[in-house]
Amino acid sequence: MSTRPWTLGTIRDMNLQLEAACVEPSCGWFTTYDIDKMITEFGADCELPTDAGGLTCGQCGAPVDFGLAAKAKRAAAG
């Protein structure tokens, strides 16, 4: 059974955020990507790669791991 790749639009529509972190615990590098900015640049149909594509941390050179996380819900105004 094959699965469809994640797109930037799907991530936005599901209220998720794209995060990346260095796998080396002593490094601690971590970032959250601006999905709206990425959609402006690459389009909502842009598919995410199924792996990190050999990306390495700019601080220590270790591999980088990506993940999706649920965004915190905003409190209702009132």
Protein backbone atom coordinates (compact mmCIF):
# COMPACT_ATOMS: atom_id res chain seq x y z
CA MET A 1 0.00 0.00 0.00
CA SER A 2 1.48 3.34 -1.00
CA THR A 3 0.87 6.61 0.75
CA ARG A 4 0.65 10.04 -0.78
CA PRO A 5 3.50 12.41 0.03
CA TRP A 6 2.91 15.34 2.35
CA THR A 7 2.52 18.72 0.66
CA LEU A 8 3.02 22.15 2.18
CA GLY A 9 -0.69 22.84 1.67
CA THR A 10 -1.69 19.67 3.52
CA ILE A 11 0.54 20.62 6.45
CA ARG A 12 -1.06 24.08 6.61
CA ASP A 13 -4.62 22.76 6.20
CA MET A 14 -4.12 20.24 9.03
CA ASN A 15 -2.71 22.98 11.33
CA LEU A 16 0.66 21.24 11.60
CA GLN A 17 4.15 22.69 11.71
CA LEU A 18 7.33 21.38 10.12
CA GLU A 19 10.26 21.07 12.50
CA ALA A 20 13.88 20.04 12.09
CA ALA A 21 16.47 19.12 14.68
CA CYS A 22 20.06 17.95 14.81
CA VAL A 23 20.27 14.29 15.85
CA GLU A 24 23.37 14.96 17.98
CA PRO A 25 22.04 15.51 21.54
CA SER A 26 24.98 17.69 22.57
CA CYS A 27 24.32 20.11 19.67
CA GLY A 28 20.72 21.07 20.41
CA TRP A 29 20.02 22.84 17.06
CA PHE A 30 16.27 23.04 16.36
CA THR A 31 14.04 25.10 14.07
CA THR A 32 10.39 25.44 13.08
CA TYR A 33 9.74 26.38 9.46
CA ASP A 34 7.30 29.09 8.34
CA ILE A 35 4.90 27.03 6.20
CA ASP A 36 3.09 30.10 4.81
CA LYS A 37 6.39 31.57 3.64
CA MET A 38 7.38 28.23 2.09
CA ILE A 39 4.02 28.06 0.26
CA THR A 40 4.58 31.56 -1.11
CA GLU A 41 7.99 30.51 -2.41
CA PHE A 42 7.37 26.90 -3.53
CA GLY A 43 3.56 26.55 -3.84
CA ALA A 44 1.00 24.64 -1.77
CA ASP A 45 1.42 21.52 -3.95
CA CYS A 46 5.14 21.26 -3.18
CA GLU A 47 5.79 17.74 -1.87
CA LEU A 48 8.11 17.09 1.05
CA PRO A 49 10.88 14.56 0.44
CA THR A 50 10.43 11.21 2.17
CA ASP A 51 13.80 11.60 3.90
CA ALA A 52 16.12 14.42 4.91
CA GLY A 53 18.06 13.97 1.68
CA GLY A 54 21.41 13.83 3.42
CA LEU A 55 21.04 17.26 5.02
CA THR A 56 23.48 17.97 7.80
CA CYS A 57 23.48 20.39 10.70
CA GLY A 58 25.27 23.65 9.93
CA GLN A 59 26.53 23.83 13.51
CA CYS A 60 28.07 20.38 14.03
CA GLY A 61 27.76 18.40 10.78
CA ALA A 62 25.53 15.63 12.17
CA PRO A 63 22.41 14.49 10.26
CA VAL A 64 19.20 16.50 10.57
CA ASP A 65 15.84 14.87 11.37
CA PHE A 66 12.47 16.32 10.31
CA GLY A 67 9.04 15.92 11.85
CA LEU A 68 5.51 17.26 11.94
CA ALA A 69 3.91 18.56 15.13
CA ALA A 70 0.45 19.84 16.02
CA LYS A 71 0.28 23.60 16.48
CA ALA A 72 -1.12 24.96 19.71
CA LYS A 73 -4.70 26.08 19.37
CA ARG A 74 -5.27 29.81 19.73
CA ALA A 75 -7.48 30.96 22.57
CA ALA A 76 -10.84 32.32 21.49
CA ALA A 77 -11.20 36.07 21.73
CA GLY A 78 -13.79 37.17 24.15
